[in-house]
Protein backbone atom coordinates (compact mmCIF):
# COMPACT_ATOMS: atom_id res chain seq x y z
CA UNK A 1 107.67 107.41 133.66
CA UNK A 2 107.57 103.62 131.67
CA UNK A 3 105.96 100.37 133.26
CA UNK A 4 108.36 98.41 135.24
CA UNK A 5 108.10 94.87 136.59
CA UNK A 6 107.37 96.31 140.11
CA UNK A 7 104.78 98.40 138.77
CA UNK A 8 102.85 96.42 136.35
CA UNK A 9 99.35 94.67 137.84
CA UNK A 10 100.65 91.59 139.33
CA UNK A 11 97.37 90.06 137.72
CA UNK A 12 99.73 89.91 134.48
CA UNK A 13 102.31 87.61 136.29
CA UNK A 14 100.08 85.48 138.42
CA UNK A 15 98.30 84.30 134.80
CA UNK A 16 101.14 81.47 134.70
CA UNK A 17 99.81 78.04 135.66
CA UNK A 18 102.73 76.28 135.22
CA UNK A 19 101.79 74.14 132.90
CA UNK A 20 104.34 74.01 130.74
CA UNK A 21 101.88 73.81 127.53
CA UNK A 22 104.72 76.69 125.98
CA UNK A 23 108.18 74.59 126.45
CA UNK A 24 107.23 73.10 122.68
CA UNK A 25 106.41 75.81 121.05
CA UNK A 26 109.85 78.30 121.70
CA UNK A 27 112.56 78.25 120.16
CA UNK A 28 114.79 78.93 122.75
CA UNK A 29 113.76 76.71 124.97
CA UNK A 30 113.96 73.91 121.84
CA UNK A 31 117.58 75.03 121.54
CA UNK A 32 118.67 74.74 124.97
CA UNK A 33 116.15 72.44 126.75
CA UNK A 34 116.67 74.52 130.06
CA UNK A 35 113.78 76.36 132.06
CA UNK A 36 115.28 79.83 131.91
CA UNK A 37 115.25 79.76 128.69
CA UNK A 38 111.51 78.72 128.39
CA UNK A 39 108.67 81.34 129.36
CA UNK A 40 107.67 79.59 132.05
CA UNK A 41 111.42 79.87 133.33
CA UNK A 42 111.16 83.71 132.54
CA UNK A 43 108.14 84.65 134.06
CA UNK A 44 109.14 83.14 137.55
CA UNK A 45 112.40 85.32 137.43
CA UNK A 46 109.91 87.93 136.69
CA UNK A 47 107.93 87.46 139.47
CA UNK A 48 110.90 87.18 141.62
CA UNK A 49 112.14 90.37 140.64
CA UNK A 50 108.42 92.21 140.88
CA UNK A 51 108.20 90.52 144.33
CA UNK A 52 111.60 91.46 145.46
CA UNK A 53 113.00 88.55 146.05
CA UNK A 54 115.91 88.78 143.29
CA UNK A 55 117.33 92.21 141.77
CA UNK A 56 117.87 93.13 138.01
CA UNK A 57 121.28 91.54 136.90
CA UNK A 58 123.20 91.35 133.77
CA UNK A 59 122.29 87.74 133.86
CA UNK A 60 118.67 88.94 133.89
CA UNK A 61 119.41 90.92 131.21
CA UNK A 62 121.14 88.61 128.34
CA UNK A 63 117.72 86.12 129.39
CA UNK A 64 115.84 88.85 128.11
CA UNK A 65 117.76 89.11 125.01
CA UNK A 66 118.00 85.59 124.19
CA UNK A 67 114.00 85.59 124.14
CA UNK A 68 112.85 86.61 120.71
CA UNK A 69 109.56 87.81 121.87
CA UNK A 70 107.88 86.05 119.23
CA UNK A 71 104.85 85.14 121.14
CA UNK A 72 104.10 81.82 120.00
CA UNK A 73 103.46 81.11 123.74
CA UNK A 74 100.86 83.07 124.16
CA UNK A 75 99.34 81.03 121.00
CA UNK A 76 99.78 77.89 122.90
CA UNK A 77 99.26 79.20 126.48
CA UNK A 78 95.81 77.84 127.82
CA UNK A 79 95.63 80.66 130.51
CA UNK A 80 95.85 83.75 128.52
CA UNK A 81 98.89 84.86 129.75
CA UNK A 82 99.56 87.86 127.86
CA UNK A 83 103.53 87.29 128.00
CA UNK A 84 104.06 90.47 125.41
CA UNK A 85 102.89 93.33 128.23
CA UNK A 86 105.72 90.90 130.62
CA UNK A 87 108.08 91.09 127.97
CA UNK A 88 108.06 94.53 127.56
CA UNK A 89 107.88 95.28 131.10
CA UNK A 90 110.74 93.21 131.68
CA UNK A 91 112.85 94.93 129.25
CA UNK A 92 111.92 98.49 130.28
CA UNK A 93 112.63 97.24 134.30
CA UNK A 94 116.53 96.66 132.88
CA UNK A 95 117.00 99.98 130.72
CA UNK A 96 115.78 101.48 134.31
CA UNK A 97 118.13 99.73 135.85
CA UNK A 98 121.32 101.62 136.45
CA UNK A 99 124.00 99.07 137.14
CA UNK A 100 122.87 96.83 134.03
CA UNK A 101 123.41 96.97 130.47
CA UNK A 102 126.27 100.26 130.63
CA UNK A 103 128.10 99.20 127.83
CA UNK A 104 129.64 102.32 126.49
CA UNK A 105 128.92 100.91 122.65
CA UNK A 106 126.01 99.63 123.69
CA UNK A 107 124.30 102.79 124.70
CA UNK A 108 125.92 104.92 121.44
CA UNK A 109 124.37 102.33 119.40
CA UNK A 110 120.94 102.62 121.41
CA UNK A 111 121.31 106.33 121.40
CA UNK A 112 121.68 107.10 117.74
CA UNK A 113 119.41 104.25 116.72
CA UNK A 114 116.63 104.52 119.45
CA UNK A 115 116.61 108.16 120.27
CA UNK A 116 117.74 109.30 116.85
CA UNK A 117 117.06 107.55 113.68
CA UNK A 118 114.22 106.28 114.79
CA UNK A 119 112.40 109.10 116.15
CA UNK A 120 112.83 111.73 113.14
CA UNK A 121 111.40 110.26 110.01
CA UNK A 122 113.35 112.88 108.08
CA UNK A 123 116.63 112.21 109.28
CA UNK A 124 116.04 108.40 109.03
CA UNK A 125 115.18 108.97 105.48
CA UNK A 126 118.24 111.02 105.18
CA UNK A 127 120.20 108.34 106.34
CA UNK A 128 119.02 105.89 104.40
CA UNK A 129 119.50 108.33 101.42
CA UNK A 130 123.65 108.29 101.98
CA UNK A 131 123.68 104.32 102.60
CA UNK A 132 122.48 104.46 99.01
CA UNK A 133 124.63 106.74 97.32
CA UNK A 134 127.35 104.70 98.92
CA UNK A 135 125.88 101.35 97.83
CA UNK A 136 125.21 102.17 94.39
CA UNK A 137 128.88 103.92 94.29
CA UNK A 138 130.32 100.66 95.57
CA UNK A 139 131.92 102.61 98.22
CA UNK A 140 130.69 99.79 100.94
CA UNK A 141 133.01 97.52 99.07
CA UNK A 142 135.66 99.42 99.17
CA UNK A 143 135.35 100.31 102.30
CA UNK A 144 135.61 96.31 103.01
CA UNK A 145 138.48 96.09 101.18
CA UNK A 146 140.52 98.19 103.37
CA UNK A 147 139.13 97.69 106.59
CA UNK A 148 137.15 100.59 107.08
CA UNK A 149 134.44 98.17 108.34
CA UNK A 150 136.21 96.65 111.38
CA UNK A 151 135.77 99.82 112.98
CA UNK A 152 132.16 98.60 113.66
CA UNK A 153 130.72 96.19 116.44
CA UNK A 154 131.53 92.65 115.68
CA UNK A 155 127.91 91.85 114.92
CA UNK A 156 127.20 94.78 112.26
CA UNK A 157 130.61 93.84 110.68
CA UNK A 158 129.27 89.85 110.30
CA UNK A 159 125.52 91.47 109.18
CA UNK A 160 126.98 94.95 107.09
CA UNK A 161 127.91 92.85 103.65
CA UNK A 162 124.28 91.31 103.72
CA UNK A 163 122.83 95.15 104.40
CA UNK A 164 119.70 95.56 102.53
CA UNK A 165 119.53 97.74 99.31
CA UNK A 166 118.23 100.60 99.89
CA UNK A 167 115.42 101.59 96.89
CA UNK A 168 115.22 104.30 94.28
CA UNK A 169 112.83 106.09 95.39
CA UNK A 170 110.91 106.14 99.38
CA UNK A 171 106.70 105.76 99.39
CA UNK A 172 106.05 109.60 99.28
CA UNK A 173 107.66 109.69 95.36
CA UNK A 174 105.69 106.39 94.63
CA UNK A 175 102.04 107.10 96.84
CA UNK A 176 100.08 110.11 96.37
CA UNK A 177 98.68 111.80 99.74
CA UNK A 178 95.34 111.17 98.14
CA UNK A 179 94.65 108.70 95.59
CA UNK A 180 90.86 107.64 94.34
CA UNK A 181 89.56 104.36 93.21
CA UNK A 182 88.52 103.69 89.74
CA UNK A 183 85.24 103.40 90.34
CA UNK A 184 82.60 104.13 93.01
CA UNK A 185 84.38 104.50 96.22
CA UNK A 186 83.55 102.03 98.98
CA UNK A 187 85.57 102.86 102.26
CA UNK A 188 88.37 105.80 102.79
CA UNK A 189 91.75 103.85 104.81
CA UNK A 190 94.75 105.24 105.65
CA UNK A 191 97.70 103.86 104.78
CA UNK A 192 100.86 103.16 106.96
CA UNK A 193 104.27 103.28 104.98
CA UNK A 194 106.29 101.99 108.36
CA UNK A 195 110.57 102.72 108.70
CA UNK A 196 111.94 99.59 107.00
CA UNK A 197 109.80 99.05 104.58
CA UNK A 198 109.28 102.67 103.58
CA UNK A 199 113.07 102.62 102.54
CA UNK A 200 113.69 98.93 101.40
CA UNK A 201 110.77 97.91 100.13
CA UNK A 202 108.26 100.57 98.79
CA UNK A 203 106.76 98.52 96.22
CA UNK A 204 104.74 96.47 98.72
CA UNK A 205 103.44 99.96 99.72
CA UNK A 206 102.81 100.76 96.43
CA UNK A 207 101.43 97.34 95.51
CA UNK A 208 99.41 97.83 98.91
CA UNK A 209 98.02 100.81 97.95
CA UNK A 210 96.80 99.47 94.27
CA UNK A 211 95.13 96.70 95.43
CA UNK A 212 93.75 99.06 97.68
CA UNK A 213 92.14 101.20 95.18
CA UNK A 214 90.96 98.06 92.98
CA UNK A 215 89.12 97.21 95.67
CA UNK A 216 87.28 100.25 95.92
CA UNK A 217 89.05 102.25 98.43
CA UNK A 218 90.21 105.67 98.84
CA UNK A 219 93.80 105.43 99.85
CA UNK A 220 95.40 108.41 102.14
CA UNK A 221 99.02 107.82 102.47
CA UNK A 222 100.33 110.94 104.62
CA UNK A 223 103.88 111.92 103.31
CA UNK A 224 105.93 111.49 106.34
CA UNK A 225 104.90 108.94 109.04
CA UNK A 226 106.68 108.84 112.50
CA UNK A 227 107.68 105.31 113.67
CA UNK A 228 105.38 103.39 115.16
CA UNK A 229 107.10 102.45 118.34
CA UNK A 230 107.27 98.82 118.27
CA UNK A 231 110.90 99.16 118.06
CA UNK A 232 111.31 101.25 121.03
CA UNK A 233 108.63 99.59 123.13
CA UNK A 234 110.02 95.34 122.49
CA UNK A 235 113.66 96.93 123.67
CA UNK A 236 112.45 98.59 126.88
CA UNK A 237 111.90 102.85 125.40
CA UNK A 238 107.82 102.52 126.54
CA UNK A 239 108.16 106.18 127.34
CA UNK A 240 109.67 107.29 123.42
CA UNK A 241 106.84 104.70 122.57
CA UNK A 242 104.09 106.44 123.96
CA UNK A 243 105.55 109.69 121.76
CA UNK A 244 105.43 108.07 118.75
CA UNK A 245 102.02 106.79 119.42
CA UNK A 246 101.05 110.56 120.10
CA UNK A 247 102.47 111.51 117.12
CA UNK A 248 100.53 108.91 114.98
CA UNK A 249 97.19 110.00 116.50
CA UNK A 250 97.87 113.93 115.39
CA UNK A 251 98.96 112.53 111.80
CA UNK A 252 95.70 110.47 111.52
CA UNK A 253 92.96 110.85 113.57
CA UNK A 254 90.95 107.92 114.10
CA UNK A 255 87.15 109.11 113.23
CA UNK A 256 88.59 110.44 109.77
CA UNK A 257 89.05 106.81 108.25
CA UNK A 258 87.42 103.35 108.08
CA UNK A 259 90.69 101.63 108.38
CA UNK A 260 94.15 102.45 109.34
CA UNK A 261 96.08 99.82 107.03
CA UNK A 262 99.33 98.28 108.21
CA UNK A 263 101.24 95.52 105.96
CA UNK A 264 104.10 95.07 108.29
CA UNK A 265 103.43 92.24 110.72
CA UNK A 266 105.47 93.44 113.36
CA UNK A 267 104.25 97.04 113.08
CA UNK A 268 100.44 96.02 113.21
CA UNK A 269 100.85 93.90 116.55
CA UNK A 270 101.82 97.35 118.11
CA UNK A 271 99.86 99.26 116.32
CA UNK A 272 96.91 97.66 117.83
CA UNK A 273 98.16 98.26 121.48
CA UNK A 274 97.87 102.53 121.61
CA UNK A 275 94.89 102.29 124.09
CA UNK A 276 97.34 99.70 126.81
CA UNK A 277 99.93 102.32 125.92
CA UNK A 278 98.17 105.69 126.46
CA UNK A 279 95.21 104.38 129.07
CA UNK A 280 96.03 106.84 131.24
CA UNK A 281 96.46 109.62 128.82
CA UNK A 282 93.92 112.47 129.43
CA UNK A 283 94.31 113.56 126.16
CA UNK A 284 94.60 111.09 123.99
CA UNK A 285 93.65 107.88 125.60
CA UNK A 286 90.24 108.27 124.53
CA UNK A 287 91.42 108.70 120.73
CA UNK A 288 94.18 105.40 121.05
CA UNK A 289 90.98 103.13 121.95
CA UNK A 290 88.98 104.53 118.88
CA UNK A 291 92.92 103.60 116.87
CA UNK A 292 92.89 100.55 118.06
CA UNK A 293 89.19 99.65 116.91
CA UNK A 294 90.27 100.88 113.42
CA UNK A 295 93.68 99.27 112.85
CA UNK A 296 93.74 96.53 110.29
CA UNK A 297 95.97 94.01 108.64
CA UNK A 298 96.01 94.46 104.86
CA UNK A 299 95.39 90.94 104.28
CA UNK A 300 92.29 91.09 107.25
CA UNK A 301 91.03 94.00 105.56
CA UNK A 302 90.94 92.56 102.13
CA UNK A 303 88.85 89.48 103.62
CA UNK A 304 86.44 91.56 106.07
CA UNK A 305 85.47 93.56 102.66
CA UNK A 306 85.43 91.11 99.81
CA UNK A 307 88.28 91.37 97.82
CA UNK A 308 87.56 90.50 94.57
CA UNK A 309 89.04 87.75 93.20
CA UNK A 310 91.84 88.47 90.18
CA UNK A 311 91.03 87.21 86.88
CA UNK A 312 94.77 86.92 85.94
CA UNK A 313 97.82 84.98 87.25
CA UNK A 314 100.86 86.95 88.69
CA UNK A 315 103.13 84.53 87.31
CA UNK A 316 103.44 83.78 83.27
CA UNK A 317 103.36 80.22 84.31
CA UNK A 318 102.29 77.98 87.09
CA UNK A 319 104.00 78.25 90.11
CA UNK A 320 103.91 76.16 93.63
CA UNK A 321 103.71 79.02 96.53
CA UNK A 322 104.23 78.53 100.23
CA UNK A 323 103.60 80.80 103.15
CA UNK A 324 105.82 82.15 105.88
CA UNK A 325 103.89 83.38 109.22
CA UNK A 326 105.38 86.64 110.66
CA UNK A 327 105.42 86.12 114.35
CA UNK A 328 103.85 89.18 115.48
CA UNK A 329 101.15 88.78 112.46
CA UNK A 330 99.83 85.19 113.44
CA UNK A 331 100.57 85.15 117.23
CA UNK A 332 100.44 89.24 117.78
CA UNK A 333 97.40 89.43 115.42
CA UNK A 334 96.15 85.82 115.31
CA UNK A 335 95.93 86.97 111.17
CA UNK A 336 96.72 83.81 110.39
CA UNK A 337 93.83 82.84 107.53
CA UNK A 338 93.62 85.68 105.95
CA UNK A 339 96.87 85.67 104.28
CA UNK A 340 96.21 81.97 102.95
CA UNK A 341 92.76 83.27 101.36
CA UNK A 342 94.51 85.58 99.77
CA UNK A 343 96.98 83.62 98.63
CA UNK A 344 94.77 80.80 97.19
CA UNK A 345 92.20 83.66 95.29
CA UNK A 346 95.73 83.93 92.85
CA UNK A 347 94.98 81.94 89.21
CA UNK A 348 97.84 79.90 88.82
CA UNK A 349 99.30 79.66 91.96
CA UNK A 350 99.64 76.12 93.99
CA UNK A 351 99.60 76.75 97.41
CA UNK A 352 101.10 74.39 99.94
CA UNK A 353 101.76 74.86 103.97
CA UNK A 354 105.23 74.95 104.85
CA UNK A 355 106.30 72.99 107.86
CA UNK A 356 106.61 74.81 111.10
CA UNK A 357 104.76 77.63 109.07
CA UNK A 358 105.13 79.79 112.52
CA UNK A 359 108.21 78.92 113.79
CA UNK A 360 110.64 82.08 114.03
CA UNK A 361 112.90 82.70 111.41
CA UNK A 362 115.25 84.45 113.42
CA UNK A 363 114.37 88.07 112.59
CA UNK A 364 112.58 89.07 115.73
CA UNK A 365 113.66 93.38 115.30
CA UNK A 366 117.04 93.29 115.66
CA UNK A 367 117.61 89.80 116.79
CA UNK A 368 119.77 88.69 113.75
CA UNK A 369 122.08 91.55 115.29
CA UNK A 370 121.72 90.60 119.25
CA UNK A 371 122.01 87.20 119.10
CA UNK A 372 123.56 86.43 115.88
CA UNK A 373 124.47 82.53 116.40
CA UNK A 374 120.70 81.96 117.82
CA UNK A 375 118.96 83.63 114.70
CA UNK A 376 121.34 81.73 111.79
CA UNK A 377 120.20 78.39 113.66
CA UNK A 378 116.59 79.65 113.18
CA UNK A 379 116.98 81.02 109.79
CA UNK A 380 119.03 77.84 108.22
CA UNK A 381 115.90 76.06 109.64
CA UNK A 382 113.72 77.94 108.28
CA UNK A 383 115.50 77.72 104.91
CA UNK A 384 115.64 73.95 105.02
CA UNK A 385 111.94 73.66 105.64
CA UNK A 386 111.11 76.53 102.59
CA UNK A 387 112.89 74.63 100.25
CA UNK A 388 111.42 71.12 101.24
CA UNK A 389 108.82 72.26 100.21
CA UNK A 390 109.71 72.72 96.50
CA UNK A 391 108.24 75.89 96.31
CA UNK A 392 108.64 78.58 93.48
CA UNK A 393 107.57 81.02 95.33
CA UNK A 394 107.92 82.11 99.44
CA UNK A 395 105.11 84.69 101.03
CA UNK A 396 105.13 86.48 104.18
CA UNK A 397 104.20 89.38 105.21
CA UNK A 398 106.79 91.74 107.33
CA UNK A 399 109.77 93.16 106.73
CA UNK A 400 111.96 92.04 108.65
CA UNK A 401 110.97 88.30 107.78
CA UNK A 402 111.22 89.11 103.94
CA UNK A 403 114.34 90.20 104.39
CA UNK A 404 116.18 87.54 106.60
CA UNK A 405 114.61 84.87 104.79
CA UNK A 406 116.12 86.84 101.41
CA UNK A 407 119.34 86.71 102.83
CA UNK A 408 119.08 82.90 104.30
CA UNK A 409 117.48 81.84 100.42
CA UNK A 410 120.61 83.21 99.01
CA UNK A 411 123.48 81.73 101.24
CA UNK A 412 121.87 78.17 100.64
CA UNK A 413 121.79 79.15 96.24
CA UNK A 414 118.12 78.61 96.76
CA UNK A 415 116.31 79.48 93.69
CA UNK A 416 113.18 80.64 95.78
CA UNK A 417 111.84 84.26 95.21
CA UNK A 418 110.51 86.17 98.53
CA UNK A 419 107.45 88.20 98.06
CA UNK A 420 104.76 90.02 100.13
CA UNK A 421 101.60 88.30 99.37
CA UNK A 422 99.56 91.76 98.48
CA UNK A 423 102.11 92.40 96.00
CA UNK A 424 101.29 89.55 94.25
CA UNK A 425 98.04 90.30 94.62
CA UNK A 426 98.73 93.56 93.15
CA UNK A 427 100.64 91.89 90.08
CA UNK A 428 97.81 89.89 89.32
CA UNK A 429 95.28 92.63 89.26
CA UNK A 430 98.37 94.39 86.75
CA UNK A 431 98.04 91.17 84.25
CA UNK A 432 94.46 91.65 83.86
CA UNK A 433 94.76 95.68 83.47
CA UNK A 434 92.73 96.67 86.56
CA UNK A 435 96.15 98.77 87.96
CA UNK A 436 98.52 100.29 86.01
């Protein structure tokens, strides 16, 4: 059974000292200035539910849906409150409450996505392949023209025209299961390809493999990888997240590699916490602890092993680059300086800081679907800050952020490219001839 507020160790809830240091960092409190929309207010509500003073209501469920789960409050908190644990426990509590959030459309969409597509990687890829056919044939445009898309929920209708284009090939077609560096092998690593990244941005996975190879790493990339479970954990489906964690541990034994590499900020934050997820599992508990010790964000790993700065620029002309911090990369994984070190190592690239660089862009998993109005406001704010830097390129280390920022810049008609920092590094290596 998944952890709920009632079964959670009370120490997590008692850590909050109500100092208010989290308030200026919370995007939803900033938008409303209401205590209930702040981390402090939500924790007070969670305490009341845990103690039995309050029940789980749709009002509470709506509030936890309004929360981005960006974890900026964790970075700001002087008392070390683990808001991520509280957030996921609260959502798990909601899902286990029989009288809350039982609308049929919501139940159907959760069954299709969380219980269906993201539990079965081959089914997810098959769905992606069908969507690719629809997009390339123009059937999506035709469906909009004749009104078929009106059958979708309103939030999906709004986002459907901006649905990301499916890639021409998934990661297994681009990356062999085992690839060796040209020179001496210094390390042996496993590369995680993700779900959304695999379908929409597999070139980032190829770039990650290239950069690892250029720095003396043998790269192991299992061709059929399960979802890491982050989407499930963040949406209250902890038992499903545990199932997926066990599948991942079976696929990649942590003692078989020097590091387990992730290039998606949101996934990486969850991947580091398999120990907490499986702490009472007699079979997988010890293995999960070894797994957590091996997980590295790609930027973190490159700095750790002393990556080689390229001699060529990724661009034909000098450019200005700015960097948007993925919330879960910065606040969840505490990986902040390493992506900037990668960017500053690129010849011909002048790096400027982005105002509010660690302020959420509004993607936050499925937040742009569940809370489209607030998501749009955050995206507009992020887009305005990016354009204000005068940069020609904005880099970010998470696929959700990348897709969200691309959409915001397109809507603003801003001539700014969006790229993963490692994709820029791979391009620089390619221009100097280190990789093909």
